[in-house]
N, C-alpha and C. Protein backbone atom coordinates (compact mmCIF):
# COMPACT_ATOMS: atom_id res chain seq x y z
N MET A 1 -5.40 -27.95 -59.57
CA MET A 1 -4.46 -28.51 -58.60
C MET A 1 -3.73 -27.37 -57.96
N PHE A 2 -3.47 -26.34 -58.78
CA PHE A 2 -2.65 -25.21 -58.24
C PHE A 2 -3.58 -24.49 -57.23
N PHE A 3 -4.81 -24.20 -57.55
CA PHE A 3 -5.80 -23.61 -56.64
C PHE A 3 -6.06 -24.31 -55.21
N VAL A 4 -5.94 -25.68 -55.39
CA VAL A 4 -6.13 -26.53 -54.11
C VAL A 4 -4.99 -26.42 -53.25
N THR A 5 -3.81 -26.55 -53.91
CA THR A 5 -2.54 -26.35 -53.11
C THR A 5 -2.43 -24.91 -52.55
N GLY A 6 -2.74 -23.94 -53.23
CA GLY A 6 -2.79 -22.64 -52.77
C GLY A 6 -3.59 -22.34 -51.50
N ALA A 7 -4.90 -22.93 -51.71
CA ALA A 7 -5.86 -22.80 -50.55
C ALA A 7 -5.37 -23.48 -49.28
N LYS A 8 -4.69 -24.78 -49.46
CA LYS A 8 -4.05 -25.40 -48.31
C LYS A 8 -3.01 -24.61 -47.75
N SER A 9 -2.26 -24.03 -48.48
CA SER A 9 -1.04 -23.11 -48.14
C SER A 9 -1.63 -21.99 -47.23
N ALA A 10 -2.72 -21.40 -47.96
CA ALA A 10 -3.28 -20.20 -47.20
C ALA A 10 -3.88 -20.51 -45.85
N GLY A 11 -4.56 -21.82 -45.91
CA GLY A 11 -5.19 -22.16 -44.55
C GLY A 11 -4.15 -22.50 -43.57
N GLY A 12 -2.94 -22.98 -43.94
CA GLY A 12 -1.95 -23.37 -43.01
C GLY A 12 -1.41 -22.08 -42.51
N ALA A 13 -1.28 -21.13 -43.29
CA ALA A 13 -0.57 -19.84 -42.89
C ALA A 13 -1.56 -19.16 -41.81
N SER A 14 -2.89 -19.22 -42.24
CA SER A 14 -3.91 -18.63 -41.21
C SER A 14 -3.90 -19.27 -39.97
N SER A 15 -3.82 -20.62 -40.06
CA SER A 15 -3.77 -21.34 -38.76
C SER A 15 -2.54 -21.03 -37.92
N GLY A 16 -1.35 -21.04 -38.67
CA GLY A 16 -0.10 -20.70 -37.90
C GLY A 16 -0.32 -19.28 -37.29
N GLY A 17 -0.76 -18.27 -38.12
CA GLY A 17 -0.81 -17.01 -37.62
C GLY A 17 -1.88 -16.85 -36.33
N GLY A 18 -2.93 -17.71 -36.37
CA GLY A 18 -3.93 -17.71 -35.23
C GLY A 18 -3.22 -18.30 -34.11
N LYS A 19 -2.43 -19.42 -34.22
CA LYS A 19 -1.71 -20.06 -33.05
C LYS A 19 -0.64 -19.20 -32.47
N PHE A 20 0.02 -18.39 -33.31
CA PHE A 20 0.94 -17.31 -32.87
C PHE A 20 0.27 -16.27 -32.02
N ARG A 21 -0.97 -15.76 -32.45
CA ARG A 21 -1.63 -14.78 -31.60
C ARG A 21 -2.19 -15.46 -30.26
N ASP A 22 -2.58 -16.68 -30.42
CA ASP A 22 -3.07 -17.31 -29.14
C ASP A 22 -1.97 -17.50 -28.16
N ASP A 23 -0.89 -17.78 -28.65
CA ASP A 23 0.39 -17.97 -27.83
C ASP A 23 0.73 -16.69 -27.14
N ARG A 24 0.76 -15.64 -27.99
CA ARG A 24 1.03 -14.27 -27.35
C ARG A 24 -0.03 -13.88 -26.32
N ALA A 25 -1.21 -14.07 -26.65
CA ALA A 25 -2.31 -13.65 -25.64
C ALA A 25 -2.10 -14.51 -24.31
N ILE A 26 -1.80 -15.84 -24.36
CA ILE A 26 -1.56 -16.80 -23.28
C ILE A 26 -0.38 -16.26 -22.49
N LEU A 27 0.72 -15.88 -23.13
CA LEU A 27 1.84 -15.25 -22.51
C LEU A 27 1.58 -14.02 -21.66
N LEU A 28 0.73 -13.20 -22.40
CA LEU A 28 0.25 -11.86 -21.73
C LEU A 28 -0.47 -12.15 -20.45
N GLY A 29 -1.47 -13.18 -20.56
CA GLY A 29 -2.30 -13.53 -19.49
C GLY A 29 -1.39 -14.08 -18.30
N LEU A 30 -0.47 -14.89 -18.62
CA LEU A 30 0.49 -15.55 -17.64
C LEU A 30 1.35 -14.47 -16.97
N ALA A 31 1.76 -13.58 -17.76
CA ALA A 31 2.60 -12.42 -17.18
C ALA A 31 1.64 -11.45 -16.16
N MET A 32 0.51 -11.31 -16.60
CA MET A 32 -0.29 -10.51 -15.67
C MET A 32 -0.65 -11.32 -14.43
N VAL A 33 -0.80 -12.61 -14.59
CA VAL A 33 -1.08 -13.43 -13.22
C VAL A 33 0.15 -13.45 -12.41
N THR A 34 1.35 -13.62 -13.01
CA THR A 34 2.57 -13.72 -12.32
C THR A 34 2.94 -12.19 -11.66
N ALA A 35 2.62 -11.19 -12.33
CA ALA A 35 2.88 -9.90 -11.84
C ALA A 35 1.94 -9.60 -10.59
N SER A 36 0.64 -10.14 -10.73
CA SER A 36 -0.33 -9.91 -9.66
C SER A 36 0.13 -10.65 -8.43
N ILE A 37 0.63 -11.81 -8.67
CA ILE A 37 1.00 -12.62 -7.42
C ILE A 37 2.20 -12.02 -6.74
N MET A 38 3.17 -11.45 -7.55
CA MET A 38 4.32 -10.65 -6.87
C MET A 38 3.84 -9.44 -6.24
N MET A 39 2.87 -8.77 -6.73
CA MET A 39 2.33 -7.62 -6.10
C MET A 39 1.51 -8.05 -4.69
N TYR A 40 0.86 -9.03 -4.81
CA TYR A 40 0.32 -9.65 -3.61
C TYR A 40 1.33 -9.95 -2.49
N PHE A 41 2.41 -10.50 -2.95
CA PHE A 41 3.56 -10.77 -1.95
C PHE A 41 4.07 -9.47 -1.36
N VAL A 42 4.46 -8.58 -2.17
CA VAL A 42 4.93 -7.22 -1.74
C VAL A 42 3.98 -6.59 -0.78
N VAL A 43 2.71 -6.51 -1.16
CA VAL A 43 1.70 -5.85 -0.27
C VAL A 43 1.51 -6.62 0.97
N GLY A 44 1.72 -7.96 0.98
CA GLY A 44 1.49 -8.76 2.09
C GLY A 44 2.59 -8.50 3.19
N ILE A 45 3.77 -8.47 2.71
CA ILE A 45 4.95 -8.20 3.63
C ILE A 45 5.12 -6.74 4.13
N THR A 46 4.36 -5.84 3.41
CA THR A 46 4.55 -4.46 3.72
C THR A 46 3.31 -3.84 4.32
N ILE A 47 2.25 -3.63 3.56
CA ILE A 47 1.06 -2.78 4.02
C ILE A 47 0.20 -3.71 4.93
N LEU A 48 -0.03 -5.07 4.53
CA LEU A 48 -0.88 -5.87 5.30
C LEU A 48 -0.23 -6.26 6.62
N ARG A 49 1.04 -6.49 6.57
CA ARG A 49 1.74 -6.81 7.88
C ARG A 49 1.70 -5.71 8.93
N SER A 50 2.01 -4.50 8.29
CA SER A 50 1.90 -3.25 9.18
C SER A 50 0.47 -3.03 9.85
N TYR A 51 -0.60 -3.25 8.80
CA TYR A 51 -1.88 -3.06 9.16
C TYR A 51 -2.36 -4.01 10.20
N ALA A 52 -1.94 -5.37 10.09
CA ALA A 52 -2.34 -6.28 11.05
C ALA A 52 -1.54 -6.17 12.33
N ASP A 53 -0.42 -5.76 12.44
CA ASP A 53 0.34 -5.66 13.58
C ASP A 53 -0.01 -4.28 14.44
N SER A 54 -0.73 -3.44 13.90
CA SER A 54 -1.15 -2.19 14.55
C SER A 54 -2.22 -2.51 15.54
N VAL A 55 -2.04 -2.02 16.69
CA VAL A 55 -3.03 -2.24 17.84
C VAL A 55 -4.05 -1.08 17.90
N TRP A 56 -3.63 0.12 17.09
CA TRP A 56 -4.62 1.17 17.15
C TRP A 56 -5.70 0.93 16.05
N THR A 57 -6.75 0.27 16.45
CA THR A 57 -7.65 -0.07 15.47
C THR A 57 -8.93 0.58 15.68
N GLU A 58 -9.35 1.26 16.73
CA GLU A 58 -10.56 1.98 16.92
C GLU A 58 -10.42 3.51 16.78
N GLU A 59 -11.27 3.92 15.92
CA GLU A 59 -11.31 5.35 15.60
C GLU A 59 -12.24 6.20 16.68
N SER A 60 -11.76 7.33 17.08
CA SER A 60 -12.52 8.07 18.02
C SER A 60 -12.11 9.59 17.73
N VAL A 61 -12.69 10.33 18.68
CA VAL A 61 -12.27 11.83 18.66
C VAL A 61 -11.59 12.24 19.95
N CYS A 62 -10.47 12.93 19.85
CA CYS A 62 -9.60 13.24 20.91
C CYS A 62 -9.69 14.81 21.22
N ILE A 63 -9.67 15.14 22.39
CA ILE A 63 -9.58 16.61 22.72
C ILE A 63 -8.11 16.90 23.36
N VAL A 64 -7.49 17.85 22.57
CA VAL A 64 -6.15 18.17 23.14
C VAL A 64 -6.20 18.84 24.43
N VAL A 65 -5.36 18.19 25.31
CA VAL A 65 -5.35 18.79 26.64
C VAL A 65 -4.03 19.66 26.90
N ASN A 66 -3.03 19.26 26.39
CA ASN A 66 -1.83 20.04 26.56
C ASN A 66 -0.88 19.66 25.30
N SER A 67 -0.23 20.77 24.89
CA SER A 67 0.79 20.72 23.71
C SER A 67 1.99 21.47 24.13
N THR A 68 3.15 20.94 24.53
CA THR A 68 4.33 21.57 24.91
C THR A 68 5.59 21.01 24.26
N ILE A 69 6.41 22.02 23.86
CA ILE A 69 7.61 21.80 23.29
C ILE A 69 8.65 21.57 24.40
N MET A 70 9.28 20.36 24.49
CA MET A 70 10.06 19.92 25.49
C MET A 70 11.61 20.20 25.11
N ALA A 71 12.51 19.40 25.62
CA ALA A 71 13.99 19.54 25.40
C ALA A 71 14.12 18.98 24.03
N ASP A 72 15.32 19.41 23.51
CA ASP A 72 15.74 18.83 22.17
C ASP A 72 16.24 17.31 22.21
N VAL A 73 15.97 16.70 21.05
CA VAL A 73 16.28 15.29 20.95
C VAL A 73 17.32 15.21 19.87
N ASN A 74 18.45 14.47 20.19
CA ASN A 74 19.54 14.30 19.31
C ASN A 74 19.09 13.25 18.19
N CYS A 75 19.67 13.50 17.02
CA CYS A 75 19.42 12.64 15.82
C CYS A 75 20.70 12.75 14.98
N SER A 76 20.74 11.67 14.00
CA SER A 76 21.81 11.74 13.09
C SER A 76 21.35 11.60 11.65
N TYR A 77 22.23 12.19 10.81
CA TYR A 77 21.82 12.19 9.38
C TYR A 77 23.02 11.79 8.63
N SER A 78 22.71 11.25 7.39
CA SER A 78 23.89 10.79 6.52
C SER A 78 24.52 11.95 5.84
N CYS A 79 25.83 12.06 5.64
CA CYS A 79 26.46 13.11 4.90
C CYS A 79 27.32 12.41 3.81
N GLY A 80 27.07 11.21 3.61
CA GLY A 80 27.94 10.60 2.49
C GLY A 80 28.09 9.01 2.85
N SER A 81 29.03 8.55 2.02
CA SER A 81 29.34 7.07 2.42
C SER A 81 30.06 6.86 3.66
N ASP A 82 29.39 6.10 4.55
CA ASP A 82 29.97 5.87 5.88
C ASP A 82 30.20 7.13 6.69
N CYS A 83 29.36 8.18 6.52
CA CYS A 83 29.58 9.39 7.11
C CYS A 83 28.17 9.77 7.80
N TRP A 84 28.24 10.02 9.03
CA TRP A 84 27.02 10.38 9.87
C TRP A 84 27.53 11.61 10.68
N ARG A 85 26.45 12.60 10.77
CA ARG A 85 26.71 13.75 11.57
C ARG A 85 25.44 13.94 12.47
N GLY A 86 25.69 14.54 13.53
CA GLY A 86 24.61 14.82 14.60
C GLY A 86 23.80 16.11 14.38
N SER A 87 22.60 15.98 14.79
CA SER A 87 21.81 17.27 14.79
C SER A 87 20.77 17.07 15.93
N LYS A 88 19.74 17.98 15.90
CA LYS A 88 18.76 17.90 17.05
C LYS A 88 17.48 18.47 16.60
N PHE A 89 16.41 18.12 17.25
CA PHE A 89 15.05 18.75 16.91
C PHE A 89 14.32 18.73 18.20
N PRO A 90 13.47 19.74 18.37
CA PRO A 90 12.55 19.92 19.62
C PRO A 90 11.55 18.77 19.62
N CYS A 91 11.37 18.27 20.84
CA CYS A 91 10.43 17.17 21.11
C CYS A 91 9.07 17.80 21.55
N LEU A 92 7.96 17.68 20.79
CA LEU A 92 6.66 18.09 21.00
C LEU A 92 5.83 17.00 21.67
N GLN A 93 5.45 17.26 22.90
CA GLN A 93 4.55 16.29 23.56
C GLN A 93 3.19 16.75 23.64
N VAL A 94 2.31 15.96 23.21
CA VAL A 94 0.83 16.31 22.97
C VAL A 94 0.04 15.24 23.88
N TYR A 95 -0.68 15.73 24.71
CA TYR A 95 -1.52 14.83 25.57
C TYR A 95 -3.14 15.15 25.19
N VAL A 96 -3.77 14.04 25.00
CA VAL A 96 -5.25 14.20 24.50
C VAL A 96 -6.11 13.23 25.51
N SER A 97 -7.39 13.65 25.48
CA SER A 97 -8.32 12.87 26.22
C SER A 97 -9.20 12.21 25.10
N VAL A 98 -9.20 10.86 25.11
CA VAL A 98 -10.05 10.11 24.19
C VAL A 98 -11.43 10.13 24.68
N ASN A 99 -12.39 10.57 23.75
CA ASN A 99 -13.77 10.62 24.10
C ASN A 99 -14.47 9.45 24.40
N THR A 100 -14.00 8.32 23.74
CA THR A 100 -14.71 6.99 23.84
C THR A 100 -14.43 6.51 25.23
N THR A 101 -13.18 6.54 25.59
CA THR A 101 -12.64 6.11 26.95
C THR A 101 -12.55 6.97 28.18
N GLY A 102 -12.36 8.25 27.62
CA GLY A 102 -12.12 9.27 28.75
C GLY A 102 -10.67 9.16 29.28
N ARG A 103 -9.79 8.40 28.63
CA ARG A 103 -8.49 8.20 29.09
C ARG A 103 -7.59 9.19 28.65
N LEU A 104 -6.73 9.74 29.43
CA LEU A 104 -5.61 10.64 29.06
C LEU A 104 -4.49 9.88 28.25
N SER A 105 -4.11 10.23 27.06
CA SER A 105 -3.19 9.44 26.25
C SER A 105 -2.16 10.48 25.68
N ARG A 106 -0.94 9.87 25.54
CA ARG A 106 -0.05 10.74 24.66
C ARG A 106 -0.25 10.44 23.33
N LEU A 107 -0.31 11.54 22.50
CA LEU A 107 -0.69 11.47 21.07
C LEU A 107 0.66 11.46 20.20
N SER A 108 0.72 10.45 19.27
CA SER A 108 1.71 10.41 18.30
C SER A 108 1.11 10.64 16.88
N HIS A 109 1.90 10.99 15.94
CA HIS A 109 1.51 11.29 14.57
C HIS A 109 0.91 9.94 13.91
N ASN A 110 1.91 8.94 13.91
CA ASN A 110 1.48 7.62 13.38
C ASN A 110 2.32 6.47 14.02
N GLU A 111 2.23 5.35 13.48
CA GLU A 111 3.00 4.23 14.03
C GLU A 111 4.44 4.46 13.99
N GLU A 112 4.96 5.02 12.80
CA GLU A 112 6.33 5.31 12.63
C GLU A 112 6.81 6.17 13.56
N SER A 113 6.07 7.29 13.80
CA SER A 113 6.60 8.24 14.85
C SER A 113 6.76 7.70 16.23
N TRP A 114 5.79 6.85 16.60
CA TRP A 114 5.61 6.21 17.86
C TRP A 114 6.77 5.16 18.01
N GLU A 115 7.11 4.40 16.89
CA GLU A 115 8.31 3.64 16.97
C GLU A 115 9.64 4.36 17.08
N SER A 116 9.76 5.42 16.50
CA SER A 116 11.04 6.21 16.42
C SER A 116 11.12 6.80 17.94
N ASN A 117 10.08 7.52 18.38
CA ASN A 117 10.19 8.03 19.65
C ASN A 117 8.83 8.28 20.14
N PHE A 118 8.26 7.47 21.12
CA PHE A 118 6.92 7.52 21.50
C PHE A 118 6.71 8.75 22.43
N GLU A 119 7.76 9.36 22.91
CA GLU A 119 7.45 10.51 23.84
C GLU A 119 7.17 11.87 23.01
N CYS A 120 7.58 11.72 21.71
CA CYS A 120 7.38 13.01 20.86
C CYS A 120 6.27 12.70 19.92
N PHE A 121 5.53 13.67 19.66
CA PHE A 121 4.33 13.62 18.73
C PHE A 121 4.91 13.33 17.28
N TYR A 122 5.72 14.02 16.88
CA TYR A 122 6.31 13.89 15.48
C TYR A 122 7.69 13.81 15.48
N VAL A 123 8.35 12.94 14.68
CA VAL A 123 9.77 12.87 14.50
C VAL A 123 10.18 13.33 13.10
N PRO A 124 10.71 14.44 12.85
CA PRO A 124 11.08 14.81 11.51
C PRO A 124 12.22 14.08 10.95
N LYS A 125 12.38 14.12 9.55
CA LYS A 125 13.49 13.53 9.03
C LYS A 125 14.79 14.34 9.39
N CYS A 126 15.86 13.74 9.95
CA CYS A 126 16.89 14.41 10.53
C CYS A 126 17.86 15.06 9.35
N HIS A 127 18.15 16.31 9.56
CA HIS A 127 19.16 16.90 8.62
C HIS A 127 19.85 18.08 9.40
N LYS A 128 20.82 18.66 8.80
CA LYS A 128 21.58 19.58 9.58
C LYS A 128 20.97 20.98 9.74
N ASP A 129 19.97 21.27 9.06
CA ASP A 129 19.20 22.45 9.33
C ASP A 129 18.21 22.39 10.57
N THR A 130 18.81 22.61 11.85
CA THR A 130 18.13 22.53 12.99
C THR A 130 16.91 23.58 12.96
N ALA A 131 17.25 24.77 12.40
CA ALA A 131 16.27 25.88 12.54
C ALA A 131 15.03 25.46 11.69
N ALA A 132 15.05 24.82 10.63
CA ALA A 132 14.01 24.35 9.81
C ALA A 132 13.15 23.46 10.52
N MET A 133 13.86 22.34 11.25
CA MET A 133 13.14 21.39 12.06
C MET A 133 12.37 21.98 13.13
N HIS A 134 13.07 23.01 13.89
CA HIS A 134 12.38 23.68 14.92
C HIS A 134 11.14 24.41 14.44
N HIS A 135 11.26 25.13 13.25
CA HIS A 135 10.16 25.85 12.78
C HIS A 135 9.04 24.91 12.35
N MET A 136 9.32 23.75 11.95
CA MET A 136 8.28 22.78 11.54
C MET A 136 7.56 22.35 12.90
N ILE A 137 8.27 22.01 13.86
CA ILE A 137 7.67 21.57 15.22
C ILE A 137 6.80 22.69 15.78
N VAL A 138 7.29 23.88 15.70
CA VAL A 138 6.60 24.98 16.21
C VAL A 138 5.20 25.17 15.45
N ASN A 139 5.24 25.05 14.19
CA ASN A 139 4.04 25.21 13.38
C ASN A 139 2.93 24.05 13.73
N ILE A 140 3.49 22.87 13.96
CA ILE A 140 2.61 21.77 14.41
C ILE A 140 2.08 22.02 15.75
N SER A 141 2.86 22.53 16.70
CA SER A 141 2.42 22.93 17.90
C SER A 141 1.32 23.91 18.03
N GLU A 142 1.43 24.91 17.18
CA GLU A 142 0.32 25.83 16.95
C GLU A 142 -0.96 25.46 16.48
N ARG A 143 -0.92 24.26 15.70
CA ARG A 143 -2.13 23.75 15.19
C ARG A 143 -2.88 22.84 16.22
N LEU A 144 -2.10 22.40 17.15
CA LEU A 144 -2.70 21.44 18.11
C LEU A 144 -2.87 22.29 19.43
N LYS A 145 -3.86 23.05 19.53
CA LYS A 145 -4.13 23.94 20.71
C LYS A 145 -4.88 23.20 21.60
N PRO A 146 -4.87 23.62 22.97
CA PRO A 146 -5.81 22.95 23.93
C PRO A 146 -7.18 23.13 23.60
N HIS A 147 -8.05 22.16 23.94
CA HIS A 147 -9.43 22.05 23.76
C HIS A 147 -9.82 21.77 22.26
N GLN A 148 -8.89 21.68 21.43
CA GLN A 148 -9.24 21.27 20.09
C GLN A 148 -9.47 19.92 19.88
N GLN A 149 -10.45 19.58 19.03
CA GLN A 149 -10.91 18.16 18.78
C GLN A 149 -10.30 17.80 17.52
N VAL A 150 -9.62 16.42 17.55
CA VAL A 150 -9.00 15.89 16.44
C VAL A 150 -9.43 14.43 16.25
N PRO A 151 -9.52 13.90 15.10
CA PRO A 151 -9.73 12.52 15.00
C PRO A 151 -8.48 11.69 15.49
N CYS A 152 -8.63 10.58 16.04
CA CYS A 152 -7.52 9.82 16.59
C CYS A 152 -7.91 8.23 16.56
N TYR A 153 -6.96 7.51 16.81
CA TYR A 153 -7.01 6.04 16.88
C TYR A 153 -6.42 5.65 18.16
N TYR A 154 -7.10 4.57 18.82
CA TYR A 154 -6.65 4.11 20.16
C TYR A 154 -6.74 2.67 20.15
N ASP A 155 -6.08 2.11 21.16
CA ASP A 155 -5.93 0.58 21.36
C ASP A 155 -7.18 0.16 22.22
N PRO A 156 -8.13 -0.59 21.71
CA PRO A 156 -9.39 -0.94 22.53
C PRO A 156 -8.98 -1.94 23.66
N SER A 157 -7.90 -2.58 23.45
CA SER A 157 -7.46 -3.55 24.50
C SER A 157 -6.60 -2.95 25.55
N ASP A 158 -6.25 -1.69 25.52
CA ASP A 158 -5.53 -0.92 26.51
C ASP A 158 -4.11 -1.46 26.72
N GLN A 159 -3.52 -2.14 25.67
CA GLN A 159 -2.16 -2.55 25.71
C GLN A 159 -1.31 -1.33 25.59
N GLN A 160 -1.75 -0.48 24.71
CA GLN A 160 -0.90 0.81 24.52
C GLN A 160 -1.65 2.08 25.02
N GLU A 161 -1.04 2.80 25.84
CA GLU A 161 -1.58 3.95 26.41
C GLU A 161 -1.47 5.24 25.49
N SER A 162 -0.76 5.13 24.45
CA SER A 162 -0.73 6.22 23.46
C SER A 162 -1.85 6.16 22.46
N ALA A 163 -2.12 7.20 21.84
CA ALA A 163 -3.20 7.34 20.62
C ALA A 163 -2.40 7.94 19.36
N LEU A 164 -3.02 7.65 18.33
CA LEU A 164 -2.39 8.00 17.06
C LEU A 164 -3.30 9.09 16.32
N LEU A 165 -2.76 10.14 15.75
CA LEU A 165 -3.43 11.04 14.99
C LEU A 165 -3.98 10.35 13.61
N THR A 166 -3.12 9.73 13.01
CA THR A 166 -3.32 8.87 11.73
C THR A 166 -2.71 7.61 11.71
N ARG A 167 -3.19 6.64 10.93
CA ARG A 167 -2.43 5.40 10.68
C ARG A 167 -1.74 5.38 9.43
N LEU A 168 -0.53 4.68 9.32
CA LEU A 168 0.12 4.45 8.14
C LEU A 168 -0.64 3.94 7.07
N TYR A 169 -1.43 2.84 7.44
CA TYR A 169 -2.26 2.22 6.45
C TYR A 169 -3.60 1.99 7.10
N ASP A 170 -4.63 2.64 6.52
CA ASP A 170 -6.03 2.63 7.02
C ASP A 170 -6.77 1.63 6.11
N HIS A 171 -8.05 1.46 6.33
CA HIS A 171 -8.98 0.67 5.48
C HIS A 171 -8.91 0.90 4.09
N SER A 172 -8.87 2.13 3.67
CA SER A 172 -8.86 2.47 2.25
C SER A 172 -7.56 2.17 1.69
N ALA A 173 -6.44 2.37 2.31
CA ALA A 173 -5.11 2.13 1.77
C ALA A 173 -5.00 0.56 1.58
N VAL A 174 -5.55 -0.31 2.48
CA VAL A 174 -5.55 -1.72 2.38
C VAL A 174 -6.38 -2.15 1.12
N PHE A 175 -7.57 -1.54 0.93
CA PHE A 175 -8.36 -1.82 -0.14
C PHE A 175 -7.74 -1.51 -1.46
N TYR A 176 -7.18 -0.30 -1.63
CA TYR A 176 -6.65 -0.04 -2.83
C TYR A 176 -5.29 -0.75 -3.24
N SER A 177 -4.56 -1.13 -2.17
CA SER A 177 -3.36 -1.95 -2.33
C SER A 177 -3.73 -3.41 -2.87
N LEU A 178 -4.91 -3.80 -2.60
CA LEU A 178 -5.48 -5.18 -3.07
C LEU A 178 -6.21 -5.09 -4.29
N PHE A 179 -6.78 -3.94 -4.54
CA PHE A 179 -7.82 -3.76 -5.75
C PHE A 179 -6.96 -3.95 -7.08
N TRP A 180 -5.86 -3.24 -7.12
CA TRP A 180 -5.08 -3.33 -8.44
C TRP A 180 -4.47 -4.65 -8.72
N PRO A 181 -3.92 -5.38 -7.82
CA PRO A 181 -3.39 -6.68 -8.10
C PRO A 181 -4.59 -7.74 -8.31
N SER A 182 -5.76 -7.52 -7.64
CA SER A 182 -6.92 -8.30 -7.92
C SER A 182 -7.39 -8.02 -9.37
N CYS A 183 -7.39 -6.76 -9.81
CA CYS A 183 -7.90 -6.50 -11.14
C CYS A 183 -6.91 -7.14 -12.24
N MET A 184 -5.54 -7.15 -11.96
CA MET A 184 -4.66 -7.63 -12.90
C MET A 184 -4.70 -9.26 -12.87
N LEU A 185 -4.99 -9.76 -11.77
CA LEU A 185 -5.23 -11.27 -11.60
C LEU A 185 -6.53 -11.70 -12.36
N THR A 186 -7.57 -10.85 -12.19
CA THR A 186 -8.75 -11.23 -12.91
C THR A 186 -8.61 -11.10 -14.42
N GLY A 187 -7.97 -9.91 -14.90
CA GLY A 187 -7.73 -9.73 -16.24
C GLY A 187 -6.85 -10.73 -16.85
N GLY A 188 -5.76 -11.14 -16.20
CA GLY A 188 -4.92 -12.34 -16.88
C GLY A 188 -5.63 -13.60 -16.97
N THR A 189 -6.47 -13.90 -15.85
CA THR A 189 -7.08 -15.21 -15.81
C THR A 189 -8.19 -15.12 -17.01
N ALA A 190 -8.80 -14.00 -17.16
CA ALA A 190 -9.91 -13.88 -18.14
C ALA A 190 -9.29 -14.15 -19.57
N ILE A 191 -8.19 -13.42 -19.77
CA ILE A 191 -7.46 -13.61 -21.14
C ILE A 191 -7.18 -15.05 -21.46
N ILE A 192 -6.50 -15.70 -20.46
CA ILE A 192 -6.21 -17.27 -20.65
C ILE A 192 -7.51 -18.03 -20.84
N PHE A 193 -8.59 -17.76 -19.99
CA PHE A 193 -9.80 -18.49 -20.15
C PHE A 193 -10.39 -18.32 -21.58
N MET A 194 -10.39 -17.01 -21.97
CA MET A 194 -10.98 -16.84 -23.38
C MET A 194 -10.24 -17.44 -24.53
N VAL A 195 -8.92 -17.37 -24.42
CA VAL A 195 -8.16 -18.05 -25.50
C VAL A 195 -8.42 -19.56 -25.50
N LYS A 196 -8.48 -20.16 -24.34
CA LYS A 196 -8.63 -21.57 -24.31
C LYS A 196 -10.04 -21.93 -24.66
N LEU A 197 -11.05 -21.06 -24.35
CA LEU A 197 -12.34 -21.26 -24.89
C LEU A 197 -12.46 -21.14 -26.38
N THR A 198 -11.84 -20.06 -26.94
CA THR A 198 -11.78 -19.99 -28.27
C THR A 198 -11.26 -21.22 -29.11
N GLN A 199 -10.15 -21.66 -28.54
CA GLN A 199 -9.44 -22.85 -29.08
C GLN A 199 -10.38 -24.10 -29.12
N TYR A 200 -11.10 -24.23 -27.91
CA TYR A 200 -11.94 -25.38 -27.76
C TYR A 200 -13.24 -25.24 -28.73
N LEU A 201 -13.70 -24.13 -29.01
CA LEU A 201 -14.82 -23.92 -29.82
C LEU A 201 -14.35 -24.14 -31.22
N SER A 202 -13.07 -23.75 -31.54
CA SER A 202 -12.51 -23.93 -32.93
C SER A 202 -12.40 -25.46 -33.23
N ILE A 203 -11.99 -26.26 -32.21
CA ILE A 203 -11.79 -27.61 -32.34
C ILE A 203 -13.25 -28.24 -32.63
N MET A 204 -14.14 -27.78 -31.78
CA MET A 204 -15.46 -28.30 -31.87
C MET A 204 -16.13 -28.01 -33.12
N CYS A 205 -15.96 -26.87 -33.77
CA CYS A 205 -16.43 -26.49 -35.13
C CYS A 205 -15.66 -27.46 -36.27
N GLU A 206 -14.46 -27.69 -36.12
CA GLU A 206 -13.73 -28.54 -37.00
C GLU A 206 -14.35 -29.91 -37.02
N GLN A 207 -14.67 -30.36 -35.89
CA GLN A 207 -15.17 -31.85 -35.84
C GLN A 207 -16.55 -31.84 -36.32
N VAL A 208 -17.31 -30.88 -35.96
CA VAL A 208 -18.66 -30.72 -36.59
C VAL A 208 -18.64 -30.81 -38.21
N VAL A 209 -17.79 -30.01 -38.73
CA VAL A 209 -17.57 -29.86 -40.17
C VAL A 209 -17.20 -31.32 -40.77
N LYS A 210 -16.18 -32.02 -40.04
CA LYS A 210 -15.70 -33.32 -40.44
C LYS A 210 -16.91 -34.36 -40.52
N ILE A 211 -17.82 -34.23 -39.38
CA ILE A 211 -18.89 -35.23 -39.35
C ILE A 211 -19.82 -34.93 -40.41
N LYS A 212 -20.22 -33.65 -40.69
CA LYS A 212 -21.12 -33.39 -41.78
C LYS A 212 -20.75 -33.84 -43.20
N ARG A 213 -19.34 -33.73 -43.31
CA ARG A 213 -18.80 -34.15 -44.61
C ARG A 213 -18.88 -35.80 -44.69
């Protein structure tokens, strides 16, 4: 009698431990699924929206026609809580010829630079050291010499006359931003499926044993 009671107690403890492990695995799977959905949401309102709204979708080769440092542009930087001070940086204008269309376009570094100031190729982060910003713009100007070929992106619908040197988010950035949430979603779903499958097979085995008895 003692041995039978002990076996039942051990079986109950083992069953309880198995259920606890299953619950933890399901919680892990649900946490991974929830995290992946949140990542999809963040990616959707940031990277995917910016990628979809961009009109510079066609890649080509551009030939630098002219690269000129124009007048200084005023900017402001934060110096503390509710404190803003003014500074300035030189505006570099770059004109290129798009090989695919033969059109003369003003070149911007990316969508962010174009939105900040479409007349200037690059808009540096504003700070009080105007000499450093000037030195940065001069270095960029020296790299974009006339007749130099550079990769670029243009608007095939001709809604925007400007061209971009790079895009904030290209095809590879979109792929990798969706790859990791997809892996997490697949992993979480697989964990939940395997746990439920194991539970189902365990129940089926118990029923088979009862039928044989």
